[in-house]
Amino acid sequence: MLIESGKSEEFDIPNDQSRPISTNSIYSIKSLNTKKETIQKKKSKESKPKKKNGLVIFISFILKNFGILFVVIFYMAGGAFLFNILEQHTEIQNCQSGEGEWNKLRIDYRSQFFNYIYFNTTPNPWLPVDNATIEAGLYVEKDGPPIYDPILTEWIKDFREKLLNISDTLKYTGQDCEKQSSWTYFSSLLFTITIMTTLGYGHVSPATAEGQIVCICYSLLGIPLFVISTVKVSSLLGDLLVFITSNILCFCCRKSNKNENNHQLEENSNEWNENEDKNIITVVNDDENEEQDDKDERFVPLTIVLVVFAGYLMLGAYIFTLLESDWSLLEASYYAFVSLSTIGFGDYVPGIGKVMSGNEAEGGKNLLIATIYIYIGLAILGMCFQLIQDQIADKVGSIIENLNFCKKNENESQDESLIRSHSDTANIQKEKSNLHNSQIEVREATIISVKPKDESSC
């Protein structure tokens, strides 16, 4: 026999839980809980703000502030490459044609001059001049100065006109057509910036129909693009100048203003204590002080603006005297001013002479420096105009505010006088009504007593 020794125990189980629970259901509940925890962890990770990388912040700052500048640089570089392709080949062909015509003209006139001078003006040394040769007709009388001077002069003028015609039409002046070209890459780069800035030196100009059409289309897009980029760079340079002026140059000014403000605060605190004892409330307008502080922070003196522009002009003049050895300081200053003022006569162009003489490397370097100088200079000029415009706007605004304040005071005084007059008339009417409701006894034009209707006299 088998004996069961186990004790049976009874448990009170609610009706909804009286059903036996399997282990599978327990594991499924645990898995659901773990899934919920993982989902909550993912949500918490997603809700946390991601830390931005410093490199990403730097790249976004550069693209936001200097992206348009990169677009302009790419546009200028591509335009220079395009004009170089379109114009240089045609220039070389014209130069070679001019060289051929020049050589032909030189040979023709050389033989013409030689034959005339030798046979018509020079006596024959092997033929003696005597009566026998004269009677035989072997001697021919030579042309003297009254005859050959007009002839040679006319030939020289004709020769000069033909040379100028070759130089104007075919742009040939005796240079090496294969090595000396005015449409190099750097010369084309300077040409693109003269288009975009409306400077127009005229040292080179497109001669082909394709180049002229491309020049029109290029300028229609390039000029607005350059203006937008210049405005952006000018604003950045203006902020930089304001920062330098407000934090470095005006440190002493701000220190003295700070001492004055501390002294003013002490006086105000003393007045506050006195007014507090007298139960007087004073009101201070902090908005006006904050606006004044903002204006002081954005303020740049006009002398500093002019000094910055004049200093950039002098810097350019010094640089161009080093680049162009045959330029004086006055000529370099003249070139810098004419370029930055967008007058652009084109009588002085740095590097173009060296390019035409065959030194393309050094001439290209000078042209590149001139391109960078003109772009930065126009941005600085725009910055100066913007700062001067801000100062003029502030002055005009303060004048208008003062005029409005005076008008407001006049209107307030008129309103106060009207209020006073109305209050006076109201008081007079009130006194009349009081007198009308009172009993007045008059004897010999003197008031004896005033007795109200409802109250008895004392």
Protein backbone atom coordinates (compact mmCIF):
# COMPACT_ATOMS: atom_id res chain seq x y z
CA MET A 1 0.00 0.00 0.00
CA LEU A 2 1.03 3.48 -0.60
CA ILE A 3 0.49 6.06 2.12
CA GLU A 4 0.18 9.75 1.26
CA SER A 5 1.93 11.73 3.91
CA GLY A 6 1.42 15.13 2.35
CA LYS A 7 -0.90 17.63 3.96
CA SER A 8 -3.52 19.27 1.93
CA GLU A 9 -3.95 23.03 2.33
CA GLU A 10 -6.81 25.12 1.10
CA PHE A 11 -6.39 28.63 -0.35
CA ASP A 12 -9.03 31.21 -0.89
CA ILE A 13 -8.72 32.15 -4.56
CA PRO A 14 -10.95 34.79 -6.09
CA ASN A 15 -13.31 33.76 -8.79
CA ASP A 16 -11.46 35.58 -11.55
CA GLN A 17 -8.16 33.91 -10.57
CA SER A 18 -9.44 30.42 -9.83
CA ARG A 19 -8.20 29.26 -13.22
CA PRO A 20 -4.73 27.66 -13.14
CA ILE A 21 -1.90 29.80 -14.64
CA SER A 22 0.56 28.18 -16.96
CA THR A 23 4.26 28.99 -17.09
CA ASN A 24 3.94 30.13 -20.70
CA SER A 25 1.60 32.92 -19.70
CA ILE A 26 4.04 34.01 -17.01
CA TYR A 27 6.91 34.18 -19.52
CA SER A 28 4.71 36.12 -21.99
CA ILE A 29 3.92 38.72 -19.32
CA LYS A 30 7.64 39.09 -18.58
CA SER A 31 8.43 39.52 -22.28
CA LEU A 32 5.75 42.22 -22.57
CA ASN A 33 7.23 44.07 -19.62
CA THR A 34 10.72 43.90 -21.12
CA LYS A 35 9.38 45.18 -24.45
CA LYS A 36 7.71 48.09 -22.70
CA GLU A 37 10.95 48.92 -20.91
CA THR A 38 12.95 48.85 -24.16
CA ILE A 39 10.37 51.09 -25.89
CA GLN A 40 10.51 53.56 -22.99
CA LYS A 41 14.32 53.58 -23.13
CA LYS A 42 14.24 54.28 -26.88
CA LYS A 43 11.78 57.11 -26.36
CA SER A 44 13.91 58.60 -23.60
CA LYS A 45 16.97 58.41 -25.85
CA GLU A 46 15.11 60.07 -28.69
CA SER A 47 13.72 62.76 -26.42
CA LYS A 48 17.20 63.71 -25.21
CA PRO A 49 18.72 66.53 -27.33
CA LYS A 50 21.59 65.32 -29.43
CA LYS A 51 24.86 67.11 -28.93
CA LYS A 52 25.96 68.79 -32.13
CA ASN A 53 29.46 68.18 -33.33
CA GLY A 54 31.75 71.21 -33.31
CA LEU A 55 32.81 70.58 -36.90
CA VAL A 56 29.17 70.54 -38.04
CA ILE A 57 28.53 73.85 -36.25
CA PHE A 58 31.61 75.40 -37.84
CA ILE A 59 30.66 74.21 -41.33
CA SER A 60 27.10 75.47 -40.94
CA PHE A 61 28.40 78.87 -39.77
CA ILE A 62 30.77 79.12 -42.73
CA LEU A 63 28.09 78.15 -45.23
CA LYS A 64 25.54 80.51 -43.70
CA ASN A 65 27.82 83.55 -43.70
CA PHE A 66 30.25 82.85 -46.55
CA GLY A 67 28.29 80.52 -48.84
CA ILE A 68 27.39 83.31 -51.24
CA LEU A 69 31.06 84.32 -51.32
CA PHE A 70 32.05 80.80 -52.38
CA VAL A 71 29.39 80.92 -55.11
CA VAL A 72 30.83 84.22 -56.41
CA ILE A 73 34.38 82.83 -56.41
CA PHE A 74 33.26 79.75 -58.31
CA TYR A 75 31.31 81.93 -60.75
CA MET A 76 34.33 84.16 -61.38
CA ALA A 77 36.69 81.21 -61.85
CA GLY A 78 34.30 79.50 -64.28
CA GLY A 79 33.75 82.72 -66.22
CA ALA A 80 37.48 83.32 -66.54
CA PHE A 81 37.95 79.79 -67.91
CA LEU A 82 35.09 80.30 -70.38
CA PHE A 83 36.36 83.63 -71.71
CA ASN A 84 39.86 82.23 -71.95
CA ILE A 85 38.61 79.44 -74.22
CA LEU A 86 36.40 81.70 -76.34
CA GLU A 87 38.81 84.57 -76.92
CA GLN A 88 42.37 83.29 -76.73
CA HIS A 89 42.20 81.10 -79.86
CA THR A 90 40.72 83.92 -81.94
CA GLU A 91 43.29 86.34 -80.54
CA ILE A 92 46.14 84.04 -81.59
CA GLN A 93 44.70 83.71 -85.08
CA ASN A 94 44.33 87.48 -85.47
CA CYS A 95 47.83 87.99 -84.13
CA GLN A 96 49.28 85.56 -86.66
CA SER A 97 47.37 87.26 -89.49
CA GLY A 98 48.62 90.64 -88.32
CA GLU A 99 52.16 89.32 -88.17
CA GLY A 100 51.89 88.09 -91.76
CA GLU A 101 50.54 91.42 -93.03
CA TRP A 102 53.18 93.30 -91.07
CA ASN A 103 55.99 91.25 -92.59
CA LYS A 104 54.60 91.70 -96.10
CA LEU A 105 54.21 95.45 -95.59
CA ARG A 106 57.71 95.74 -94.16
CA ILE A 107 59.28 93.89 -97.12
CA ASP A 108 57.35 95.91 -99.72
CA TYR A 109 58.20 99.29 -98.28
CA ARG A 110 61.79 98.34 -97.60
CA SER A 111 62.36 97.42 -101.23
CA GLN A 112 60.47 100.50 -102.38
CA PHE A 113 62.53 102.85 -100.22
CA PHE A 114 65.79 101.15 -101.13
CA ASN A 115 65.21 101.20 -104.88
CA TYR A 116 64.17 104.83 -104.96
CA ILE A 117 67.00 106.05 -102.75
CA TYR A 118 69.65 103.98 -104.52
CA PHE A 119 68.68 104.69 -108.12
CA ASN A 120 67.20 108.20 -107.90
CA THR A 121 69.12 110.02 -105.18
CA THR A 122 72.58 108.40 -105.00
CA PRO A 123 75.25 108.97 -107.72
CA ASN A 124 76.96 105.92 -109.29
CA PRO A 125 80.53 105.70 -107.91
CA TRP A 126 81.74 103.64 -110.91
CA LEU A 127 80.42 106.06 -113.49
CA PRO A 128 82.53 109.26 -113.78
CA VAL A 129 80.61 112.48 -114.37
CA ASP A 130 82.17 114.24 -117.38
CA ASN A 131 81.16 115.67 -120.74
CA ALA A 132 81.57 112.33 -122.52
CA THR A 133 79.18 110.46 -120.26
CA ILE A 134 76.72 113.33 -120.35
CA GLU A 135 76.81 113.52 -124.18
CA ALA A 136 76.47 109.72 -124.37
CA GLY A 137 73.39 109.86 -122.16
CA LEU A 138 74.86 107.55 -119.54
CA TYR A 139 74.53 110.07 -116.76
CA VAL A 140 71.09 110.74 -115.30
CA GLU A 141 70.60 113.66 -112.97
CA LYS A 142 69.55 112.53 -109.46
CA ASP A 143 66.62 113.88 -107.44
CA GLY A 144 67.57 116.49 -104.95
CA PRO A 145 65.90 117.30 -101.58
CA PRO A 146 63.14 119.44 -103.12
CA ILE A 147 61.97 116.37 -105.06
CA TYR A 148 62.54 113.36 -102.77
CA ASP A 149 61.47 114.96 -99.48
CA PRO A 150 57.73 115.12 -100.34
CA ILE A 151 57.83 111.64 -101.91
CA LEU A 152 59.46 109.96 -98.90
CA THR A 153 57.22 111.84 -96.48
CA GLU A 154 54.12 110.62 -98.27
CA TRP A 155 55.37 107.03 -98.25
CA ILE A 156 56.16 107.19 -94.54
CA LYS A 157 52.65 108.48 -93.74
CA ASP A 158 51.09 105.72 -95.79
CA PHE A 159 53.26 103.14 -94.06
CA ARG A 160 52.26 104.48 -90.60
CA GLU A 161 48.53 104.38 -91.39
CA LYS A 162 48.76 100.78 -92.54
CA LEU A 163 50.63 99.81 -89.37
CA LEU A 164 47.97 101.45 -87.16
CA ASN A 165 45.26 99.67 -89.10
CA ILE A 166 46.92 96.31 -88.46
CA SER A 167 47.31 97.18 -84.77
CA ASP A 168 43.66 98.23 -84.39
CA THR A 169 41.97 95.46 -86.33
CA LEU A 170 44.23 92.49 -85.63
CA LYS A 171 45.80 93.62 -82.29
CA TYR A 172 49.31 92.94 -83.47
CA THR A 173 52.10 95.18 -82.20
CA GLY A 174 55.13 92.99 -82.85
CA GLN A 175 54.64 90.51 -79.98
CA ASP A 176 55.21 86.76 -80.04
CA CYS A 177 51.78 85.39 -80.89
CA GLU A 178 52.37 81.97 -79.28
CA LYS A 179 53.70 83.23 -75.93
CA GLN A 180 52.25 86.69 -75.44
CA SER A 181 48.47 86.79 -75.11
CA SER A 182 46.25 89.31 -73.34
CA TRP A 183 43.58 86.65 -72.74
CA THR A 184 45.44 84.56 -70.18
CA TYR A 185 43.51 82.96 -67.34
CA PHE A 186 44.38 85.63 -64.78
CA SER A 187 43.67 88.42 -67.24
CA SER A 188 40.29 86.80 -67.92
CA LEU A 189 39.73 86.61 -64.15
CA LEU A 190 40.31 90.35 -63.83
CA PHE A 191 37.98 90.85 -66.80
CA THR A 192 35.19 88.92 -65.02
CA ILE A 193 35.44 91.07 -61.90
CA THR A 194 35.40 94.24 -63.99
CA ILE A 195 32.12 92.97 -65.48
CA MET A 196 30.54 92.02 -62.14
CA THR A 197 31.59 95.26 -60.46
CA THR A 198 30.67 97.40 -63.53
CA LEU A 199 34.25 98.67 -63.36
CA GLY A 200 35.06 98.16 -67.03
CA TYR A 201 38.80 98.74 -67.45
CA GLY A 202 38.70 98.04 -71.19
CA HIS A 203 42.19 96.54 -71.21
CA VAL A 204 40.64 93.50 -72.91
CA SER A 205 37.26 93.12 -74.56
CA PRO A 206 35.56 90.20 -76.34
CA ALA A 207 36.06 90.34 -80.11
CA THR A 208 34.07 87.28 -81.16
CA ALA A 209 30.28 87.13 -81.47
CA GLU A 210 30.18 84.18 -79.04
CA GLY A 211 32.24 86.07 -76.49
CA GLN A 212 30.00 89.14 -76.70
CA ILE A 213 26.83 87.07 -76.22
CA VAL A 214 28.36 85.24 -73.26
CA CYS A 215 29.48 88.58 -71.80
CA ILE A 216 25.89 89.88 -71.86
CA CYS A 217 24.47 86.75 -70.23
CA TYR A 218 27.32 86.57 -67.73
CA SER A 219 26.82 90.16 -66.57
CA LEU A 220 23.03 89.76 -66.19
CA LEU A 221 23.58 87.09 -63.53
CA GLY A 222 26.97 88.18 -62.23
CA ILE A 223 26.14 91.78 -61.28
CA PRO A 224 23.22 90.93 -58.89
CA LEU A 225 25.19 88.02 -57.47
CA PHE A 226 28.15 90.27 -56.76
CA VAL A 227 25.92 92.90 -55.13
CA ILE A 228 24.34 90.30 -52.81
CA SER A 229 27.71 88.89 -51.79
CA THR A 230 29.15 92.36 -51.23
CA VAL A 231 26.24 93.29 -48.96
CA LYS A 232 26.77 90.11 -46.93
CA VAL A 233 30.52 90.60 -46.60
CA SER A 234 30.02 94.31 -45.82
CA SER A 235 27.65 93.48 -42.96
CA LEU A 236 30.15 91.01 -41.51
CA LEU A 237 32.98 93.54 -41.78
CA GLY A 238 30.71 96.17 -40.20
CA ASP A 239 29.98 93.89 -37.24
CA LEU A 240 33.70 93.22 -36.89
CA LEU A 241 34.52 96.95 -36.92
CA VAL A 242 31.74 97.64 -34.38
CA PHE A 243 33.12 94.88 -32.15
CA ILE A 244 36.66 96.23 -32.38
CA THR A 245 35.52 99.80 -31.77
CA SER A 246 33.24 98.99 -28.84
CA ASN A 247 35.52 96.48 -27.10
CA ILE A 248 39.07 97.62 -27.83
CA LEU A 249 39.29 101.20 -29.02
CA CYS A 250 36.54 102.55 -26.72
CA PHE A 251 37.60 100.62 -23.59
CA CYS A 252 38.64 103.83 -21.85
CA CYS A 253 35.40 105.52 -22.92
CA ARG A 254 33.33 102.66 -21.53
CA LYS A 255 35.34 102.70 -18.30
CA SER A 256 34.69 106.41 -17.77
CA ASN A 257 31.01 105.90 -18.61
CA LYS A 258 30.89 103.06 -16.09
CA ASN A 259 32.28 105.33 -13.38
CA GLU A 260 29.74 107.99 -14.28
CA ASN A 261 26.95 105.42 -14.14
CA ASN A 262 28.10 104.21 -10.72
CA HIS A 263 28.15 107.79 -9.49
CA GLN A 264 24.68 108.32 -10.92
CA LEU A 265 23.46 105.15 -9.21
CA GLU A 266 24.79 106.38 -5.87
CA GLU A 267 23.01 109.69 -6.33
CA ASN A 268 19.81 107.90 -7.31
CA SER A 269 20.06 105.64 -4.25
CA ASN A 270 20.45 108.68 -2.01
CA GLU A 271 17.48 110.34 -3.64
CA TRP A 272 15.53 107.10 -3.24
CA ASN A 273 16.26 107.01 0.48
CA GLU A 274 15.21 110.63 0.86
CA ASN A 275 12.05 110.08 -1.14
CA GLU A 276 11.29 106.93 0.84
CA ASP A 277 11.44 108.97 4.04
CA LYS A 278 9.09 111.48 2.46
CA ASN A 279 6.85 108.68 1.09
CA ILE A 280 7.55 109.79 -2.50
CA ILE A 281 7.69 107.20 -5.27
CA THR A 282 10.06 107.79 -8.21
CA VAL A 283 9.73 105.94 -11.51
CA VAL A 284 12.79 105.08 -13.63
CA ASN A 285 12.37 104.15 -17.30
CA ASP A 286 14.79 101.28 -17.95
CA ASP A 287 13.78 100.88 -21.62
CA GLU A 288 15.30 104.23 -22.56
CA ASN A 289 18.58 103.29 -20.87
CA GLU A 290 18.65 99.93 -22.65
CA GLU A 291 17.96 101.59 -26.03
CA GLN A 292 20.71 104.10 -25.36
CA ASP A 293 23.14 101.28 -24.48
CA ASP A 294 22.27 99.49 -27.74
CA LYS A 295 22.88 102.67 -29.73
CA ASP A 296 26.22 103.16 -27.99
CA GLU A 297 27.23 99.59 -28.81
CA ARG A 298 26.40 100.04 -32.52
CA PHE A 299 27.98 103.49 -32.74
CA VAL A 300 31.18 103.87 -34.79
CA PRO A 301 32.65 107.38 -35.10
CA LEU A 302 32.76 108.84 -38.59
CA THR A 303 36.48 109.55 -38.26
CA ILE A 304 37.21 105.86 -37.69
CA VAL A 305 35.19 104.93 -40.79
CA LEU A 306 37.09 107.42 -42.94
CA VAL A 307 40.43 106.33 -41.47
CA VAL A 308 39.66 102.68 -42.31
CA PHE A 309 38.86 103.51 -45.95
CA ALA A 310 41.86 105.85 -46.36
CA GLY A 311 44.12 103.26 -44.75
CA TYR A 312 42.96 100.60 -47.20
CA LEU A 313 43.66 102.97 -50.10
CA MET A 314 47.17 103.64 -48.82
CA LEU A 315 47.76 99.93 -48.27
CA GLY A 316 46.79 99.22 -51.87
CA ALA A 317 49.02 102.01 -53.15
CA TYR A 318 51.98 100.58 -51.24
CA ILE A 319 51.30 97.04 -52.49
CA PHE A 320 51.04 98.12 -56.13
CA THR A 321 54.26 100.13 -55.94
CA LEU A 322 55.97 96.89 -54.88
CA LEU A 323 54.31 94.87 -57.65
CA GLU A 324 54.83 97.42 -60.43
CA SER A 325 58.33 98.86 -60.24
CA ASP A 326 57.62 101.56 -62.81
CA TRP A 327 54.65 102.97 -60.85
CA SER A 328 55.11 105.87 -58.47
CA LEU A 329 53.18 106.17 -55.21
CA LEU A 330 50.89 108.78 -56.76
CA GLU A 331 50.11 106.55 -59.75
CA ALA A 332 49.39 103.58 -57.48
CA SER A 333 47.12 105.71 -55.27
CA TYR A 334 45.38 106.97 -58.39
CA TYR A 335 44.80 103.40 -59.59
CA ALA A 336 43.49 102.28 -56.19
CA PHE A 337 41.02 105.17 -55.95
CA VAL A 338 39.82 104.85 -59.54
CA SER A 339 39.26 101.12 -59.06
CA LEU A 340 37.44 101.30 -55.72
CA SER A 341 35.25 104.16 -56.90
CA THR A 342 34.30 101.99 -59.95
CA ILE A 343 35.39 104.71 -62.37
CA GLY A 344 37.80 102.33 -64.11
CA PHE A 345 39.62 104.29 -66.79
CA GLY A 346 41.85 101.33 -67.64
CA ASP A 347 44.95 103.47 -68.21
CA TYR A 348 46.70 101.62 -65.37
CA VAL A 349 46.27 97.85 -65.06
CA PRO A 350 48.71 95.92 -62.85
CA GLY A 351 50.38 92.91 -64.45
CA ILE A 352 49.05 93.35 -67.98
CA GLY A 353 52.35 94.73 -69.27
CA LYS A 354 54.26 91.77 -67.90
CA VAL A 355 51.75 89.35 -69.41
CA MET A 356 52.10 90.99 -72.81
CA SER A 357 55.89 90.90 -72.55
CA GLY A 358 55.84 87.13 -71.97
CA ASN A 359 56.25 87.01 -68.18
CA GLU A 360 52.90 85.33 -67.59
CA ALA A 361 53.67 83.97 -64.11
CA GLU A 362 54.53 87.28 -62.48
CA GLY A 363 51.91 89.17 -64.45
CA GLY A 364 49.24 86.63 -63.47
CA LYS A 365 50.19 87.00 -59.81
CA ASN A 366 49.76 90.78 -60.03
CA LEU A 367 46.39 90.40 -61.75
CA LEU A 368 45.20 87.96 -59.07
CA ILE A 369 46.25 90.34 -56.28
CA ALA A 370 44.45 93.19 -58.03
CA THR A 371 41.28 91.07 -58.28
CA ILE A 372 41.32 90.24 -54.55
CA TYR A 373 42.10 93.85 -53.65
CA ILE A 374 39.18 95.20 -55.69
CA TYR A 375 36.68 92.73 -54.20
CA ILE A 376 37.69 93.34 -50.58
CA GLY A 377 37.91 97.09 -51.21
CA LEU A 378 34.38 97.28 -52.58
CA ALA A 379 33.13 95.31 -49.56
CA ILE A 380 34.90 97.77 -47.23
CA LEU A 381 33.45 100.69 -49.19
CA GLY A 382 29.96 99.20 -48.77
CA MET A 383 30.63 98.76 -45.04
CA CYS A 384 31.62 102.43 -44.72
CA PHE A 385 28.51 103.55 -46.57
CA GLN A 386 26.34 101.36 -44.33
CA LEU A 387 27.86 102.71 -41.11
CA ILE A 388 27.54 106.30 -42.32
CA GLN A 389 23.94 105.62 -43.33
CA ASP A 390 23.19 104.21 -39.86
CA GLN A 391 24.62 107.32 -38.21
CA ILE A 392 22.62 109.63 -40.47
CA ALA A 393 19.47 107.61 -39.80
CA ASP A 394 20.08 107.83 -36.03
CA LYS A 395 20.60 111.60 -36.23
CA VAL A 396 17.47 112.12 -38.31
CA GLY A 397 15.50 109.83 -36.01
CA SER A 398 16.62 111.72 -32.90
CA ILE A 399 15.70 115.04 -34.54
CA ILE A 400 12.24 113.69 -35.42
CA GLU A 401 11.81 112.36 -31.88
CA ASN A 402 12.72 115.75 -30.43
CA LEU A 403 10.26 117.47 -32.74
CA ASN A 404 7.54 115.00 -31.81
CA PHE A 405 8.36 115.48 -28.12
CA CYS A 406 8.04 119.25 -28.47
CA LYS A 407 4.72 118.87 -30.24
CA LYS A 408 3.59 116.43 -27.58
CA ASN A 409 4.49 118.89 -24.83
CA GLU A 410 2.62 121.63 -26.64
CA ASN A 411 -0.42 119.40 -26.99
CA GLU A 412 -0.17 118.37 -23.34
CA SER A 413 0.04 122.01 -22.25
CA GLN A 414 -2.96 122.81 -24.41
CA ASP A 415 -4.84 119.85 -22.95
CA GLU A 416 -3.90 120.89 -19.43
CA SER A 417 -5.09 124.45 -20.09
CA LEU A 418 -8.34 123.09 -21.49
CA ILE A 419 -8.76 120.81 -18.47
CA ARG A 420 -8.04 123.69 -16.14
CA SER A 421 -10.52 125.90 -17.94
CA HIS A 422 -13.15 123.15 -17.79
CA SER A 423 -12.42 122.56 -14.12
CA ASP A 424 -12.66 126.29 -13.41
CA THR A 425 -16.02 126.54 -15.17
CA ALA A 426 -17.20 123.43 -13.32
CA ASN A 427 -16.14 124.95 -9.99
CA ILE A 428 -17.87 128.22 -10.80
CA GLN A 429 -21.07 126.41 -11.73
CA LYS A 430 -20.82 124.35 -8.56
CA GLU A 431 -20.38 127.47 -6.44
CA LYS A 432 -23.34 129.09 -8.20
CA SER A 433 -25.50 126.05 -7.47
CA ASN A 434 -24.38 126.06 -3.83
CA LEU A 435 -25.17 129.74 -3.55
CA HIS A 436 -28.52 129.19 -5.20
CA ASN A 437 -29.40 126.46 -2.69
CA SER A 438 -28.28 128.57 0.28
CA GLN A 439 -30.06 131.45 2.10
CA ILE A 440 -28.02 134.58 1.87
CA GLU A 441 -28.71 137.78 3.86
CA VAL A 442 -27.03 140.83 2.42
CA ARG A 443 -26.77 144.16 4.20
CA GLU A 444 -24.82 147.05 2.67
CA ALA A 445 -23.02 144.69 0.26
CA THR A 446 -21.61 142.53 3.06
CA ILE A 447 -22.39 138.91 3.72
CA ILE A 448 -24.03 138.50 7.13
CA SER A 449 -24.63 134.72 7.16
CA VAL A 450 -25.08 131.72 5.01
CA LYS A 451 -27.82 129.34 6.13
CA PRO A 452 -28.40 126.06 4.33
CA LYS A 453 -31.97 124.93 3.93
CA ASP A 454 -31.63 121.63 5.75
CA GLU A 455 -29.27 122.69 8.60
CA SER A 456 -29.85 125.14 11.41
CA SER A 457 -27.36 127.83 12.25
CA CYS A 458 -25.18 127.52 15.29
